[in-house]
Amino acid sequence: METVNATTARPEMCSTIGQFVESNWLAFIQEQRSSSTVTTYKFYWEHLLRPYLGKQLVRDYTTEQAERMLHEIGRHHPTMKRATLHKLRSILSGIFKRAIGQGLRPGHNPIREVTPPKGLPSEETYAYSLQEIRQLLGAITHEMTRVIVALAGYVGLSKSEIQGLTWEAYDDAAGEIKV
């Protein structure tokens, strides 16, 4: 019992990755990242990472487990792009970087040495011409939908950037949208 009572380890060091992400990391990224990035990270966490990581302990997670998990995600999603797999690795690295910084994980970041699976190469993105954008706008009668299509077409916003937009992002005085 002396060993247990003399330990300086904090109870939080027994947190699962799911507990840590929900109670610490998500709030941290909301302060540090744009809303579109936060939306993307939350999506990847909820739909791809949490099912594999939720119950694993932050302090015990290994590089081998991380690499195996990313390869399993790649096998379950054979059409996943290489860039998405690299994004998942980056998100994982950020989670563990934060855990180390908060003193919840001793040692190095287990994601540092992970090699993600190959994945499919990214495809070239199609850009609508001005004529095509005008045709789309002419066919849409719902005003809010027209605004979204106009933003996407004329400003060149991506789907995730549009999802992250808020009214506060528009600066009327400067005539700018902060994405």
C-alpha atoms as a PDB file:
ATOM      1  CA  MET A   1       0.000   0.000   0.000  1.00  0.00           C
ATOM      2  CA  GLU A   2       2.933   2.347   0.593  1.00  0.00           C
ATOM      3  CA  THR A   3       3.672   2.385  -3.131  1.00  0.00           C
ATOM      4  CA  VAL A   4       0.088   3.287  -3.990  1.00  0.00           C
ATOM      5  CA  ASN A   5      -0.192   5.948  -1.283  1.00  0.00           C
ATOM      6  CA  ALA A   6       3.168   7.491  -2.177  1.00  0.00           C
ATOM      7  CA  THR A   7       2.406   7.909  -5.846  1.00  0.00           C
ATOM      8  CA  THR A   8       2.287  11.407  -7.310  1.00  0.00           C
ATOM      9  CA  ALA A   9       0.180  10.346 -10.281  1.00  0.00           C
ATOM     10  CA  ARG A  10      -3.069  12.229 -10.664  1.00  0.00           C
ATOM     11  CA  PRO A  11      -6.397  10.396 -11.031  1.00  0.00           C
ATOM     12  CA  GLU A  12      -6.854  12.073 -14.428  1.00  0.00           C
ATOM     13  CA  MET A  13      -3.987   9.938 -15.718  1.00  0.00           C
ATOM     14  CA  CYS A  14      -6.490   7.055 -15.770  1.00  0.00           C
ATOM     15  CA  SER A  15      -8.706   8.890 -18.272  1.00  0.00           C
ATOM     16  CA  THR A  16      -9.789   7.131 -21.407  1.00  0.00           C
ATOM     17  CA  ILE A  17      -9.043   8.847 -24.679  1.00  0.00           C
ATOM     18  CA  GLY A  18     -12.797   9.417 -25.086  1.00  0.00           C
ATOM     19  CA  GLN A  19     -13.061  11.126 -21.689  1.00  0.00           C
ATOM     20  CA  PHE A  20     -10.027  13.284 -22.411  1.00  0.00           C
ATOM     21  CA  VAL A  21     -11.273  14.344 -25.853  1.00  0.00           C
ATOM     22  CA  GLU A  22     -14.766  15.177 -24.566  1.00  0.00           C
ATOM     23  CA  SER A  23     -13.671  17.012 -21.412  1.00  0.00           C
ATOM     24  CA  ASN A  24     -10.482  18.724 -22.574  1.00  0.00           C
ATOM     25  CA  TRP A  25      -9.350  18.517 -26.175  1.00  0.00           C
ATOM     26  CA  LEU A  26     -12.593  19.576 -27.904  1.00  0.00           C
ATOM     27  CA  ALA A  27     -12.860  22.697 -25.740  1.00  0.00           C
ATOM     28  CA  PHE A  28      -9.201  23.456 -26.421  1.00  0.00           C
ATOM     29  CA  ILE A  29      -9.544  23.250 -30.211  1.00  0.00           C
ATOM     30  CA  GLN A  30     -12.685  25.405 -30.122  1.00  0.00           C
ATOM     31  CA  GLU A  31     -10.532  28.173 -28.629  1.00  0.00           C
ATOM     32  CA  GLN A  32      -7.627  27.612 -31.012  1.00  0.00           C
ATOM     33  CA  ARG A  33      -9.120  26.741 -34.406  1.00  0.00           C
ATOM     34  CA  SER A  34     -11.634  28.159 -36.855  1.00  0.00           C
ATOM     35  CA  SER A  35     -15.204  26.901 -36.645  1.00  0.00           C
ATOM     36  CA  SER A  36     -14.874  25.016 -39.940  1.00  0.00           C
ATOM     37  CA  THR A  37     -11.809  23.164 -38.634  1.00  0.00           C
ATOM     38  CA  VAL A  38     -13.597  22.369 -35.368  1.00  0.00           C
ATOM     39  CA  THR A  39     -16.579  21.005 -37.310  1.00  0.00           C
ATOM     40  CA  THR A  40     -14.270  18.775 -39.355  1.00  0.00           C
ATOM     41  CA  TYR A  41     -12.359  17.545 -36.300  1.00  0.00           C
ATOM     42  CA  LYS A  42     -15.598  16.764 -34.448  1.00  0.00           C
ATOM     43  CA  PHE A  43     -16.906  14.807 -37.438  1.00  0.00           C
ATOM     44  CA  TYR A  44     -13.727  12.740 -37.697  1.00  0.00           C
ATOM     45  CA  TRP A  45     -13.698  12.159 -33.942  1.00  0.00           C
ATOM     46  CA  GLU A  46     -17.348  11.061 -33.746  1.00  0.00           C
ATOM     47  CA  HIS A  47     -17.509   8.935 -36.882  1.00  0.00           C
ATOM     48  CA  LEU A  48     -14.032   7.504 -37.377  1.00  0.00           C
ATOM     49  CA  LEU A  49     -11.843   7.745 -34.288  1.00  0.00           C
ATOM     50  CA  ARG A  50     -14.109   7.441 -31.253  1.00  0.00           C
ATOM     51  CA  PRO A  51     -15.351   3.915 -32.081  1.00  0.00           C
ATOM     52  CA  TYR A  52     -11.738   2.686 -31.964  1.00  0.00           C
ATOM     53  CA  LEU A  53     -10.326   4.910 -29.225  1.00  0.00           C
ATOM     54  CA  GLY A  54     -13.091   5.820 -26.802  1.00  0.00           C
ATOM     55  CA  LYS A  55     -12.214   3.256 -24.116  1.00  0.00           C
ATOM     56  CA  GLN A  56      -8.432   3.154 -24.497  1.00  0.00           C
ATOM     57  CA  LEU A  57      -6.419   4.798 -21.710  1.00  0.00           C
ATOM     58  CA  VAL A  58      -4.516   7.940 -22.719  1.00  0.00           C
ATOM     59  CA  ARG A  59      -1.439   6.923 -20.731  1.00  0.00           C
ATOM     60  CA  ASP A  60      -1.217   3.394 -22.200  1.00  0.00           C
ATOM     61  CA  TYR A  61      -1.923   3.949 -25.900  1.00  0.00           C
ATOM     62  CA  THR A  62       0.926   2.808 -28.147  1.00  0.00           C
ATOM     63  CA  THR A  63       2.274   3.597 -31.584  1.00  0.00           C
ATOM     64  CA  GLU A  64       1.529   0.031 -32.650  1.00  0.00           C
ATOM     65  CA  GLN A  65      -2.147   0.384 -31.639  1.00  0.00           C
ATOM     66  CA  ALA A  66      -2.440   3.697 -33.505  1.00  0.00           C
ATOM     67  CA  GLU A  67      -0.923   2.348 -36.698  1.00  0.00           C
ATOM     68  CA  ARG A  68      -3.092  -0.777 -36.573  1.00  0.00           C
ATOM     69  CA  MET A  69      -6.186   1.393 -36.020  1.00  0.00           C
ATOM     70  CA  LEU A  70      -5.453   3.694 -38.995  1.00  0.00           C
ATOM     71  CA  HIS A  71      -4.876   0.679 -41.232  1.00  0.00           C
ATOM     72  CA  GLU A  72      -8.144  -0.850 -40.036  1.00  0.00           C
ATOM     73  CA  ILE A  73      -9.993   2.409 -40.792  1.00  0.00           C
ATOM     74  CA  GLY A  74      -8.408   2.330 -44.256  1.00  0.00           C
ATOM     75  CA  ARG A  75      -9.603  -1.257 -44.800  1.00  0.00           C
ATOM     76  CA  HIS A  76     -13.151  -0.429 -43.675  1.00  0.00           C
ATOM     77  CA  HIS A  77     -13.236   2.637 -45.935  1.00  0.00           C
ATOM     78  CA  PRO A  78     -11.476   1.542 -49.153  1.00  0.00           C
ATOM     79  CA  THR A  79     -12.469   4.748 -50.977  1.00  0.00           C
ATOM     80  CA  MET A  80     -10.914   6.987 -48.320  1.00  0.00           C
ATOM     81  CA  LYS A  81      -8.401   9.447 -49.687  1.00  0.00           C
ATOM     82  CA  ARG A  82      -4.772   9.606 -48.590  1.00  0.00           C
ATOM     83  CA  ALA A  83      -5.300  13.171 -47.356  1.00  0.00           C
ATOM     84  CA  THR A  84      -8.092  12.037 -45.008  1.00  0.00           C
ATOM     85  CA  LEU A  85      -5.920   9.316 -43.492  1.00  0.00           C
ATOM     86  CA  HIS A  86      -3.159  11.864 -42.943  1.00  0.00           C
ATOM     87  CA  LYS A  87      -5.696  14.232 -41.369  1.00  0.00           C
ATOM     88  CA  LEU A  88      -6.769  11.477 -38.957  1.00  0.00           C
ATOM     89  CA  ARG A  89      -3.121  10.960 -38.002  1.00  0.00           C
ATOM     90  CA  SER A  90      -2.718  14.692 -37.461  1.00  0.00           C
ATOM     91  CA  ILE A  91      -5.823  14.866 -35.257  1.00  0.00           C
ATOM     92  CA  LEU A  92      -4.566  11.946 -33.177  1.00  0.00           C
ATOM     93  CA  SER A  93      -1.188  13.592 -32.795  1.00  0.00           C
ATOM     94  CA  GLY A  94      -2.880  16.794 -31.614  1.00  0.00           C
ATOM     95  CA  ILE A  95      -4.927  14.884 -29.043  1.00  0.00           C
ATOM     96  CA  PHE A  96      -1.826  13.264 -27.563  1.00  0.00           C
ATOM     97  CA  LYS A  97       0.201  16.473 -27.748  1.00  0.00           C
ATOM     98  CA  ARG A  98      -2.465  18.135 -25.605  1.00  0.00           C
ATOM     99  CA  ALA A  99      -2.563  15.174 -23.187  1.00  0.00           C
ATOM    100  CA  ILE A 100       1.221  15.327 -22.750  1.00  0.00           C
ATOM    101  CA  GLY A 101       1.047  19.090 -22.244  1.00  0.00           C
ATOM    102  CA  GLN A 102      -1.606  18.616 -19.570  1.00  0.00           C
ATOM    103  CA  GLY A 103       0.534  16.040 -17.742  1.00  0.00           C
ATOM    104  CA  LEU A 104      -1.864  13.184 -18.466  1.00  0.00           C
ATOM    105  CA  ARG A 105       0.584  11.123 -20.460  1.00  0.00           C
ATOM    106  CA  PRO A 106       4.236  10.546 -19.685  1.00  0.00           C
ATOM    107  CA  GLY A 107       6.767  10.188 -22.458  1.00  0.00           C
ATOM    108  CA  HIS A 108       6.572  10.833 -26.170  1.00  0.00           C
ATOM    109  CA  ASN A 109       3.644  11.277 -28.540  1.00  0.00           C
ATOM    110  CA  PRO A 110       2.706   7.737 -29.695  1.00  0.00           C
ATOM    111  CA  ILE A 111       1.477   9.050 -33.044  1.00  0.00           C
ATOM    112  CA  ARG A 112       4.833  10.542 -34.063  1.00  0.00           C
ATOM    113  CA  GLU A 113       6.124   7.324 -35.666  1.00  0.00           C
ATOM    114  CA  VAL A 114       2.818   6.159 -37.185  1.00  0.00           C
ATOM    115  CA  THR A 115       2.781   5.573 -40.925  1.00  0.00           C
ATOM    116  CA  PRO A 116      -0.774   5.867 -42.230  1.00  0.00           C
ATOM    117  CA  PRO A 117      -2.014   3.510 -44.957  1.00  0.00           C
ATOM    118  CA  LYS A 118      -1.636   4.591 -48.547  1.00  0.00           C
ATOM    119  CA  GLY A 119      -5.267   5.480 -49.358  1.00  0.00           C
ATOM    120  CA  LEU A 120      -6.479   6.771 -52.686  1.00  0.00           C
ATOM    121  CA  PRO A 121      -4.959   9.873 -54.257  1.00  0.00           C
ATOM    122  CA  SER A 122      -7.022  13.051 -54.141  1.00  0.00           C
ATOM    123  CA  GLU A 123      -9.031  13.880 -57.209  1.00  0.00           C
ATOM    124  CA  GLU A 124      -8.916  17.220 -58.919  1.00  0.00           C
ATOM    125  CA  THR A 125     -11.697  19.473 -57.670  1.00  0.00           C
ATOM    126  CA  TYR A 126     -14.142  20.689 -60.290  1.00  0.00           C
ATOM    127  CA  ALA A 127     -14.720  24.434 -60.329  1.00  0.00           C
ATOM    128  CA  TYR A 128     -17.981  25.739 -61.795  1.00  0.00           C
ATOM    129  CA  SER A 129     -17.752  28.447 -64.432  1.00  0.00           C
ATOM    130  CA  LEU A 130     -19.491  31.796 -63.885  1.00  0.00           C
ATOM    131  CA  GLN A 131     -22.118  30.767 -66.426  1.00  0.00           C
ATOM    132  CA  GLU A 132     -22.837  27.527 -64.531  1.00  0.00           C
ATOM    133  CA  ILE A 133     -23.092  29.413 -61.217  1.00  0.00           C
ATOM    134  CA  ARG A 134     -25.562  31.886 -62.742  1.00  0.00           C
ATOM    135  CA  GLN A 135     -27.635  29.005 -64.142  1.00  0.00           C
ATOM    136  CA  LEU A 136     -27.730  27.357 -60.706  1.00  0.00           C
ATOM    137  CA  LEU A 137     -28.756  30.601 -59.020  1.00  0.00           C
ATOM    138  CA  GLY A 138     -31.474  31.157 -61.615  1.00  0.00           C
ATOM    139  CA  ALA A 139     -32.945  27.730 -60.900  1.00  0.00           C
ATOM    140  CA  ILE A 140     -33.000  28.098 -57.098  1.00  0.00           C
ATOM    141  CA  THR A 141     -36.026  29.805 -55.550  1.00  0.00           C
ATOM    142  CA  HIS A 142     -35.249  29.389 -51.831  1.00  0.00           C
ATOM    143  CA  GLU A 143     -33.402  32.538 -50.727  1.00  0.00           C
ATOM    144  CA  MET A 144     -31.095  30.982 -48.107  1.00  0.00           C
ATOM    145  CA  THR A 145     -30.108  28.239 -50.537  1.00  0.00           C
ATOM    146  CA  ARG A 146     -29.297  30.923 -53.118  1.00  0.00           C
ATOM    147  CA  VAL A 147     -27.045  32.683 -50.580  1.00  0.00           C
ATOM    148  CA  ILE A 148     -25.193  29.439 -49.839  1.00  0.00           C
ATOM    149  CA  VAL A 149     -24.732  28.625 -53.528  1.00  0.00           C
ATOM    150  CA  ALA A 150     -23.606  32.203 -54.263  1.00  0.00           C
ATOM    151  CA  LEU A 151     -21.058  32.058 -51.430  1.00  0.00           C
ATOM    152  CA  ALA A 152     -19.757  28.705 -52.570  1.00  0.00           C
ATOM    153  CA  GLY A 153     -19.551  29.786 -56.197  1.00  0.00           C
ATOM    154  CA  TYR A 154     -18.403  33.394 -56.062  1.00  0.00           C
ATOM    155  CA  VAL A 155     -16.211  33.273 -52.948  1.00  0.00           C
ATOM    156  CA  GLY A 156     -14.851  29.795 -53.611  1.00  0.00           C
ATOM    157  CA  LEU A 157     -15.641  28.373 -50.195  1.00  0.00           C
ATOM    158  CA  SER A 158     -15.365  24.662 -49.598  1.00  0.00           C
ATOM    159  CA  LYS A 159     -18.184  22.615 -48.074  1.00  0.00           C
ATOM    160  CA  SER A 160     -16.548  22.576 -44.621  1.00  0.00           C
ATOM    161  CA  GLU A 161     -15.857  26.323 -44.789  1.00  0.00           C
ATOM    162  CA  ILE A 162     -19.526  26.966 -45.571  1.00  0.00           C
ATOM    163  CA  GLN A 163     -20.570  24.696 -42.682  1.00  0.00           C
ATOM    164  CA  GLY A 164     -18.358  26.675 -40.322  1.00  0.00           C
ATOM    165  CA  LEU A 165     -19.637  30.101 -41.364  1.00  0.00           C
ATOM    166  CA  THR A 166     -21.443  32.280 -38.842  1.00  0.00           C
ATOM    167  CA  TRP A 167     -22.987  35.722 -39.167  1.00  0.00           C
ATOM    168  CA  GLU A 168     -20.165  37.047 -36.980  1.00  0.00           C
ATOM    169  CA  ALA A 169     -17.697  36.025 -39.701  1.00  0.00           C
ATOM    170  CA  TYR A 170     -19.014  38.818 -41.926  1.00  0.00           C
ATOM    171  CA  ASP A 171     -17.351  42.202 -41.340  1.00  0.00           C
ATOM    172  CA  ASP A 172     -19.657  44.764 -42.972  1.00  0.00           C
ATOM    173  CA  ALA A 173     -17.263  47.673 -42.397  1.00  0.00           C
ATOM    174  CA  ALA A 174     -14.341  45.907 -44.100  1.00  0.00           C
ATOM    175  CA  GLY A 175     -16.531  44.064 -46.618  1.00  0.00           C
ATOM    176  CA  GLU A 176     -14.852  40.782 -45.669  1.00  0.00           C
ATOM    177  CA  ILE A 177     -15.817  37.293 -44.644  1.00  0.00           C
ATOM    178  CA  LYS A 178     -13.414  35.741 -42.167  1.00  0.00           C
ATOM    179  CA  VAL A 179     -13.225  32.030 -42.852  1.00  0.00           C
END
